[in-house]
């Protein structure tokens, strides 16, 4: 039988050191792998779910959170105040007449430092990874509203396809110059040009981006672009996207959703039309509802255009933006006609951002879509 080892008594120093060790608590939920799953699927929008009984201020952000009743009531009160104190007629004309002017000023003041590179795009839209693969063959990507290149440059930085060409277009000549001046600008893979997605064909131009013809593009990227257009311009923009795409070509769409905190925060003299505002820097922004986008992209045809019920009833004056009659709206609701685009995916990305120090809850809302031009 083995002798029991003799354990010497702890010294005073050892006892003091052990007493100084804090009690070991279970891992904080923020380190639980179940709450930090690596995203593998497009349109997943995160995996941190707010469950009943959770302390909402435990994390800085939660995914897939619907606004609570308190926020919804606050938002409706804000919308009422905004409608009661709209922008003046003078300001409506000023900001709608030449929107490129205000974006030129914006990019002159912010150059390439305002927006972060959109590295998440290939996760949400795998086609952007596919076209950049070594054996992908000749591919053409058109980014509309390219700004300072925060989408285009990450795409070509990771590109292995010798036959990829990215057309990065913006209606701000200042933004285009920022891209052209970048050390990342490589004319072999990217060309930056001034183009307004809502342009109309004329005797001097076919209305499409420089160097592109009808049916020449594989992928069109529309990230926070349609919100910068007046509702009266949506029809021409959708038509130009359709014209430039090949059959089977894809549209990658992300934009602001109605009820986003940015909308609720607008004060007086910023309201241009329902869900449509002008920011303090003169740029405009619209906040979409899912049903609007379903009709805009799912029911549009070259012959009939956008269903008129998609447009806000108080759309700024533009001849092409008249409110549908009750008879027309009713006909649209029961229409089963196949549109020119297939809606592959259309989802709402909701986030709850938390200021833990001030105990504030901030609801964000974005729309994300993947549309395909029918053959």
Protein backbone atom coordinates (compact mmCIF):
# COMPACT_ATOMS: atom_id res chain seq x y z
CA UNK A 1 0.00 0.00 0.00
CA UNK A 2 1.45 3.33 -1.11
CA UNK A 3 2.07 5.91 1.54
CA UNK A 4 -0.14 8.98 1.49
CA UNK A 5 1.98 11.96 0.45
CA UNK A 6 2.36 14.64 3.04
CA UNK A 7 1.13 18.02 1.78
CA UNK A 8 2.92 20.83 3.54
CA UNK A 9 0.73 23.60 4.91
CA UNK A 10 0.46 26.76 2.81
CA UNK A 11 2.68 29.59 3.78
CA UNK A 12 1.17 32.95 4.57
CA UNK A 13 2.37 34.23 1.18
CA UNK A 14 0.72 31.34 -0.69
CA UNK A 15 -2.52 31.79 1.21
CA UNK A 16 -2.58 35.51 0.45
CA UNK A 17 -1.92 34.89 -3.25
CA UNK A 18 -4.77 32.39 -3.49
CA UNK A 19 -7.16 34.71 -1.72
CA UNK A 20 -6.30 37.45 -4.24
CA UNK A 21 -7.52 35.35 -7.20
CA UNK A 22 -11.03 36.56 -8.11
CA UNK A 23 -13.78 33.97 -8.35
CA UNK A 24 -14.09 32.51 -11.86
CA UNK A 25 -17.39 33.55 -13.46
CA UNK A 26 -18.96 31.69 -16.38
CA UNK A 27 -18.02 33.12 -19.80
CA UNK A 28 -19.93 36.26 -20.77
CA UNK A 29 -22.57 35.67 -23.45
CA UNK A 30 -20.64 37.87 -25.83
CA UNK A 31 -17.98 35.13 -25.94
CA UNK A 32 -20.45 32.29 -26.43
CA UNK A 33 -19.82 30.79 -29.90
CA UNK A 34 -23.58 30.40 -30.35
CA UNK A 35 -23.89 34.20 -30.31
CA UNK A 36 -20.96 34.80 -32.63
CA UNK A 37 -21.49 32.33 -35.43
CA UNK A 38 -19.42 32.97 -38.52
CA UNK A 39 -21.83 33.97 -41.24
CA UNK A 40 -21.97 31.53 -44.11
CA UNK A 41 -25.24 32.32 -45.88
CA UNK A 42 -26.22 35.48 -47.78
CA UNK A 43 -29.05 37.51 -46.26
CA UNK A 44 -28.49 35.87 -42.85
CA UNK A 45 -27.90 39.27 -41.23
CA UNK A 46 -26.20 38.03 -38.08
CA UNK A 47 -26.97 35.49 -35.36
CA UNK A 48 -27.22 37.50 -32.15
CA UNK A 49 -30.89 37.12 -31.30
CA UNK A 50 -32.61 38.99 -28.50
CA UNK A 51 -34.56 36.43 -26.48
CA UNK A 52 -37.19 36.89 -23.83
CA UNK A 53 -35.60 37.62 -20.48
CA UNK A 54 -32.37 38.97 -22.00
CA UNK A 55 -30.94 42.23 -20.76
CA UNK A 56 -31.11 44.40 -23.89
CA UNK A 57 -28.16 46.46 -22.65
CA UNK A 58 -25.91 43.42 -22.30
CA UNK A 59 -24.56 43.84 -25.86
CA UNK A 60 -23.89 46.81 -28.12
CA UNK A 61 -26.04 45.36 -30.91
CA UNK A 62 -28.68 42.72 -31.60
CA UNK A 63 -29.81 41.22 -34.90
CA UNK A 64 -33.37 40.74 -36.27
CA UNK A 65 -35.05 42.94 -33.65
CA UNK A 66 -38.47 44.42 -34.42
CA UNK A 67 -39.05 47.92 -32.98
CA UNK A 68 -40.95 47.92 -29.71
CA UNK A 69 -44.27 49.73 -29.21
CA UNK A 70 -42.59 52.68 -27.53
CA UNK A 71 -40.32 53.32 -30.51
CA UNK A 72 -43.14 52.84 -33.03
CA UNK A 73 -45.29 55.40 -31.24
CA UNK A 74 -42.35 57.81 -31.07
CA UNK A 75 -41.66 57.31 -34.78
CA UNK A 76 -45.26 58.03 -35.80
CA UNK A 77 -45.21 61.20 -33.71
CA UNK A 78 -42.00 62.25 -35.44
CA UNK A 79 -43.47 61.63 -38.90
CA UNK A 80 -46.45 63.81 -38.03
CA UNK A 81 -44.14 66.64 -36.96
CA UNK A 82 -42.11 66.27 -40.15
CA UNK A 83 -45.21 66.50 -42.35
CA UNK A 84 -46.41 69.56 -40.42
CA UNK A 85 -43.10 71.37 -41.02
CA UNK A 86 -41.92 70.35 -44.52
CA UNK A 87 -39.17 71.92 -46.57
CA UNK A 88 -40.27 75.15 -48.25
CA UNK A 89 -41.24 75.12 -51.91
CA UNK A 90 -38.06 77.08 -52.60
CA UNK A 91 -35.92 74.40 -50.93
CA UNK A 92 -37.78 71.57 -52.65
CA UNK A 93 -36.97 73.08 -56.04
CA UNK A 94 -33.41 73.91 -54.98
CA UNK A 95 -32.52 70.44 -53.78
CA UNK A 96 -34.40 68.53 -56.49
CA UNK A 97 -33.20 70.65 -59.43
CA UNK A 98 -29.51 69.67 -59.35
CA UNK A 99 -28.81 66.82 -56.91
CA UNK A 100 -25.34 66.23 -58.41
CA UNK A 101 -24.32 69.67 -57.16
CA UNK A 102 -24.82 68.64 -53.54
CA UNK A 103 -22.99 65.34 -53.97
CA UNK A 104 -20.10 67.24 -55.57
CA UNK A 105 -19.89 69.39 -52.45
CA UNK A 106 -20.17 66.29 -50.27
CA UNK A 107 -17.24 64.52 -51.92
CA UNK A 108 -15.21 67.71 -52.09
CA UNK A 109 -15.52 67.97 -48.31
CA UNK A 110 -15.11 64.27 -47.53
CA UNK A 111 -12.94 62.98 -50.40
CA UNK A 112 -12.36 59.26 -49.81
CA UNK A 113 -12.53 59.30 -46.02
CA UNK A 114 -16.26 59.20 -45.26
CA UNK A 115 -17.32 55.68 -46.24
CA UNK A 116 -15.61 52.45 -45.24
CA UNK A 117 -14.79 49.76 -47.78
CA UNK A 118 -17.75 47.42 -48.16
CA UNK A 119 -15.93 44.18 -47.48
CA UNK A 120 -19.23 42.50 -46.58
CA UNK A 121 -20.55 42.64 -50.12
CA UNK A 122 -19.08 39.33 -51.27
CA UNK A 123 -20.65 37.66 -48.24
CA UNK A 124 -24.09 39.05 -49.01
CA UNK A 125 -23.79 38.71 -52.79
CA UNK A 126 -21.57 35.70 -53.69
CA UNK A 127 -21.77 36.57 -57.39
CA UNK A 128 -19.18 39.27 -56.69
CA UNK A 129 -16.76 36.57 -55.55
CA UNK A 130 -17.67 34.39 -58.52
CA UNK A 131 -16.92 37.01 -61.18
CA UNK A 132 -13.50 37.64 -59.62
CA UNK A 133 -12.37 34.00 -59.73
CA UNK A 134 -9.46 33.07 -61.96
CA UNK A 135 -11.47 31.00 -64.44
CA UNK A 136 -14.64 33.17 -64.47
CA UNK A 137 -14.04 34.44 -68.02
CA UNK A 138 -15.15 37.79 -69.40
CA UNK A 139 -17.36 39.54 -66.84
CA UNK A 140 -18.66 43.11 -66.68
CA UNK A 141 -19.80 44.69 -63.40
CA UNK A 142 -21.51 48.08 -63.31
CA UNK A 143 -21.56 49.86 -59.98
CA UNK A 144 -24.06 52.71 -59.92
CA UNK A 145 -23.33 55.53 -57.50
CA UNK A 146 -19.78 54.31 -56.93
CA UNK A 147 -18.84 57.29 -54.77
CA UNK A 148 -15.21 57.11 -53.74
CA UNK A 149 -14.81 53.48 -54.83
CA UNK A 150 -15.60 51.74 -51.55
CA UNK A 151 -17.26 48.87 -53.43
CA UNK A 152 -15.24 48.81 -56.65
CA UNK A 153 -11.77 48.91 -55.14
CA UNK A 154 -12.24 45.98 -52.71
CA UNK A 155 -13.63 43.99 -55.64
CA UNK A 156 -10.60 44.51 -57.88
CA UNK A 157 -8.19 44.22 -54.94
CA UNK A 158 -9.30 40.59 -54.51
CA UNK A 159 -9.70 39.93 -58.23
CA UNK A 160 -7.99 36.98 -59.93
CA UNK A 161 -9.93 37.23 -63.18
CA UNK A 162 -7.89 38.76 -66.00
CA UNK A 163 -11.10 39.39 -67.96
CA UNK A 164 -13.04 41.29 -65.29
CA UNK A 165 -13.97 44.90 -65.97
CA UNK A 166 -15.68 47.11 -63.39
CA UNK A 167 -17.49 50.24 -64.59
CA UNK A 168 -17.75 52.50 -61.54
CA UNK A 169 -20.18 55.33 -62.27
CA UNK A 170 -21.44 58.26 -60.24
CA UNK A 171 -23.31 61.42 -61.18
CA UNK A 172 -20.89 63.42 -59.06
CA UNK A 173 -17.88 64.43 -61.14
CA UNK A 174 -15.99 65.06 -57.91
CA UNK A 175 -16.55 61.48 -56.74
CA UNK A 176 -15.37 60.16 -60.10
CA UNK A 177 -12.21 62.24 -59.87
CA UNK A 178 -11.57 60.89 -56.36
CA UNK A 179 -11.65 57.36 -57.80
CA UNK A 180 -9.42 58.22 -60.73
CA UNK A 181 -6.87 59.83 -58.41
CA UNK A 182 -6.68 56.79 -56.13
CA UNK A 183 -3.54 54.66 -56.15
CA UNK A 184 -5.88 51.66 -56.46
CA UNK A 185 -7.26 52.85 -59.80
CA UNK A 186 -6.09 50.38 -62.44
CA UNK A 187 -7.58 51.04 -65.91
CA UNK A 188 -7.01 47.39 -66.79
CA UNK A 189 -9.82 46.38 -64.43
CA UNK A 190 -11.77 49.54 -63.64
CA UNK A 191 -13.05 52.62 -65.41
CA UNK A 192 -14.72 55.49 -63.54
CA UNK A 193 -17.18 57.73 -65.36
CA UNK A 194 -19.85 60.33 -64.70
CA UNK A 195 -23.32 58.89 -65.29
CA UNK A 196 -26.81 59.52 -63.94
CA UNK A 197 -28.75 56.25 -63.64
CA UNK A 198 -31.98 58.16 -64.31
CA UNK A 199 -30.66 59.65 -67.56
CA UNK A 200 -32.90 59.74 -70.63
CA UNK A 201 -31.66 58.91 -74.14
CA UNK A 202 -30.99 61.92 -76.32
CA UNK A 203 -29.57 62.75 -79.74
CA UNK A 204 -26.11 62.96 -78.18
CA UNK A 205 -26.29 59.88 -75.93
CA UNK A 206 -28.05 56.54 -75.60
CA UNK A 207 -28.52 57.29 -71.89
CA UNK A 208 -26.23 54.45 -70.80
CA UNK A 209 -22.81 54.65 -69.11
CA UNK A 210 -19.83 55.52 -71.32
CA UNK A 211 -18.44 52.43 -73.01
CA UNK A 212 -21.50 50.26 -72.35
CA UNK A 213 -24.29 49.19 -74.66
CA UNK A 214 -27.61 47.47 -74.14
CA UNK A 215 -27.29 43.91 -72.86
CA UNK A 216 -23.57 44.21 -72.05
CA UNK A 217 -23.43 43.91 -68.24
CA UNK A 218 -23.45 40.80 -66.05
CA UNK A 219 -23.98 42.44 -62.64
CA UNK A 220 -25.36 45.84 -61.57
CA UNK A 221 -24.57 46.97 -58.03
CA UNK A 222 -27.04 49.41 -56.42
CA UNK A 223 -25.92 50.13 -52.85
CA UNK A 224 -27.74 53.08 -51.22
CA UNK A 225 -28.43 54.57 -54.66
CA UNK A 226 -32.18 54.52 -55.25
CA UNK A 227 -32.70 56.36 -51.96
CA UNK A 228 -30.75 59.29 -53.41
CA UNK A 229 -33.20 59.56 -56.32
CA UNK A 230 -36.48 61.40 -56.30
CA UNK A 231 -39.41 58.96 -56.65
CA UNK A 232 -40.16 60.45 -60.08
CA UNK A 233 -36.73 59.21 -61.22
CA UNK A 234 -37.20 55.55 -60.24
CA UNK A 235 -38.88 54.60 -63.51
CA UNK A 236 -36.01 55.84 -65.68
CA UNK A 237 -33.46 54.26 -63.34
CA UNK A 238 -35.06 50.81 -63.43
CA UNK A 239 -35.40 51.06 -67.20
CA UNK A 240 -31.70 51.90 -67.63
CA UNK A 241 -30.66 49.02 -65.36
CA UNK A 242 -32.82 46.68 -67.43
CA UNK A 243 -31.43 48.05 -70.70
CA UNK A 244 -27.78 47.62 -69.75
CA UNK A 245 -28.13 44.09 -68.27
CA UNK A 246 -27.72 40.87 -70.22
CA UNK A 247 -30.61 38.39 -70.00
CA UNK A 248 -29.98 36.54 -66.77
CA UNK A 249 -27.96 39.50 -65.47
CA UNK A 250 -28.17 40.24 -61.76
CA UNK A 251 -29.05 43.30 -59.67
CA UNK A 252 -27.57 43.62 -56.18
CA UNK A 253 -29.61 46.06 -54.12
CA UNK A 254 -29.30 47.49 -50.62
CA UNK A 255 -30.91 50.66 -49.27
CA UNK A 256 -32.68 52.32 -46.35
CA UNK A 257 -35.90 50.92 -44.92
CA UNK A 258 -38.83 52.86 -43.51
CA UNK A 259 -38.57 53.35 -39.78
CA UNK A 260 -34.78 53.48 -39.75
CA UNK A 261 -33.47 55.69 -36.99
CA UNK A 262 -32.02 58.07 -39.59
CA UNK A 263 -35.57 58.77 -40.81
CA UNK A 264 -37.09 59.19 -37.39
CA UNK A 265 -34.43 61.72 -36.39
CA UNK A 266 -35.20 64.24 -39.14
CA UNK A 267 -36.34 67.59 -37.78
CA UNK A 268 -38.46 70.32 -39.34
CA UNK A 269 -37.87 71.69 -42.86
CA UNK A 270 -36.32 68.41 -44.08
CA UNK A 271 -39.45 66.66 -45.37
CA UNK A 272 -39.68 66.70 -49.19
CA UNK A 273 -42.38 64.05 -49.66
CA UNK A 274 -43.62 60.96 -47.84
CA UNK A 275 -40.51 59.03 -46.68
CA UNK A 276 -38.30 61.43 -48.68
CA UNK A 277 -36.00 63.98 -47.01
CA UNK A 278 -33.09 66.33 -47.56
CA UNK A 279 -30.11 66.06 -45.23
CA UNK A 280 -28.27 69.01 -43.77
CA UNK A 281 -25.62 68.72 -46.49
CA UNK A 282 -28.20 69.02 -49.28
CA UNK A 283 -28.19 65.36 -50.34
CA UNK A 284 -31.52 63.55 -50.47
CA UNK A 285 -32.62 60.22 -49.00
CA UNK A 286 -35.70 58.02 -49.36
CA UNK A 287 -36.75 55.22 -46.97
CA UNK A 288 -38.36 52.21 -48.66
CA UNK A 289 -40.99 49.72 -47.65
CA UNK A 290 -40.62 46.11 -48.72
CA UNK A 291 -43.92 46.08 -50.60
CA UNK A 292 -42.75 49.07 -52.68
CA UNK A 293 -39.64 47.24 -53.78
CA UNK A 294 -41.58 44.07 -54.53
CA UNK A 295 -43.75 46.02 -56.96
CA UNK A 296 -40.96 48.19 -58.31
CA UNK A 297 -38.73 45.26 -59.27
CA UNK A 298 -41.23 42.41 -59.48
CA UNK A 299 -43.90 44.08 -61.64
CA UNK A 300 -41.92 46.51 -63.79
CA UNK A 301 -42.12 45.91 -67.53
CA UNK A 302 -40.71 47.95 -70.43
CA UNK A 303 -44.24 48.53 -71.68
CA UNK A 304 -45.98 49.55 -68.43
CA UNK A 305 -43.12 50.82 -66.30
CA UNK A 306 -43.35 51.04 -62.52
CA UNK A 307 -46.80 50.50 -60.98
CA UNK A 308 -48.03 53.98 -60.09
CA UNK A 309 -49.10 52.87 -56.63
CA UNK A 310 -45.39 52.53 -55.79
CA UNK A 311 -44.94 56.30 -55.86
CA UNK A 312 -45.72 58.42 -52.78
CA UNK A 313 -48.95 60.38 -53.16
CA UNK A 314 -47.08 63.65 -52.61
CA UNK A 315 -44.20 62.95 -54.98
CA UNK A 316 -42.46 66.23 -55.98
CA UNK A 317 -43.74 67.70 -59.21
CA UNK A 318 -42.45 65.94 -62.29
CA UNK A 319 -45.22 65.13 -64.72
CA UNK A 320 -44.23 61.45 -64.70
CA UNK A 321 -45.07 61.09 -61.04
CA UNK A 322 -48.82 61.44 -60.79
CA UNK A 323 -50.77 59.49 -58.21
CA UNK A 324 -52.60 56.45 -59.56
CA UNK A 325 -56.36 56.59 -59.69
CA UNK A 326 -58.26 54.20 -57.47
CA UNK A 327 -59.19 52.16 -60.53
CA UNK A 328 -55.54 51.87 -61.66
CA UNK A 329 -54.31 51.00 -58.19
CA UNK A 330 -56.93 48.29 -57.87
CA UNK A 331 -55.90 46.83 -61.23
CA UNK A 332 -52.27 46.74 -60.14
CA UNK A 333 -53.06 44.90 -56.93
CA UNK A 334 -54.69 42.01 -58.77
CA UNK A 335 -52.22 41.94 -61.66
CA UNK A 336 -50.52 38.59 -62.18
CA UNK A 337 -48.37 39.70 -65.10
CA UNK A 338 -44.78 38.55 -64.88
CA UNK A 339 -42.37 41.44 -64.51
CA UNK A 340 -39.08 41.89 -66.34
CA UNK A 341 -37.13 41.00 -63.19
CA UNK A 342 -37.33 37.92 -61.03
CA UNK A 343 -37.04 38.66 -57.32
CA UNK A 344 -34.58 36.03 -56.18
CA UNK A 345 -34.40 37.45 -52.65
CA UNK A 346 -35.78 40.50 -50.87
CA UNK A 347 -35.40 40.86 -47.12
CA UNK A 348 -35.41 43.37 -44.28
CA UNK A 349 -32.23 43.68 -42.24
CA UNK A 350 -33.11 44.98 -38.79
CA UNK A 351 -30.59 45.80 -36.06
CA UNK A 352 -30.92 47.16 -32.56
CA UNK A 353 -27.92 49.31 -31.67
CA UNK A 354 -27.51 49.99 -27.97
CA UNK A 355 -25.78 52.81 -26.14
CA UNK A 356 -25.05 50.94 -22.94
CA UNK A 357 -23.77 53.98 -21.06
CA UNK A 358 -26.80 56.16 -21.78
CA UNK A 359 -29.26 53.24 -21.83
CA UNK A 360 -30.50 54.18 -25.31
CA UNK A 361 -31.98 51.88 -27.96
CA UNK A 362 -31.54 52.75 -31.64
CA UNK A 363 -33.38 50.77 -34.30
CA UNK A 364 -31.85 50.47 -37.76
CA UNK A 365 -33.59 49.13 -40.86
CA UNK A 366 -32.24 48.32 -44.32
CA UNK A 367 -33.68 46.62 -47.40
CA UNK A 368 -31.63 44.08 -49.33
CA UNK A 369 -32.53 42.49 -52.64
CA UNK A 370 -31.21 40.23 -55.36
CA UNK A 371 -33.01 40.55 -58.68
CA UNK A 372 -32.45 38.76 -62.00
CA UNK A 373 -33.34 40.01 -65.47
CA UNK A 374 -35.57 37.44 -67.08
CA UNK A 375 -34.44 35.75 -70.28
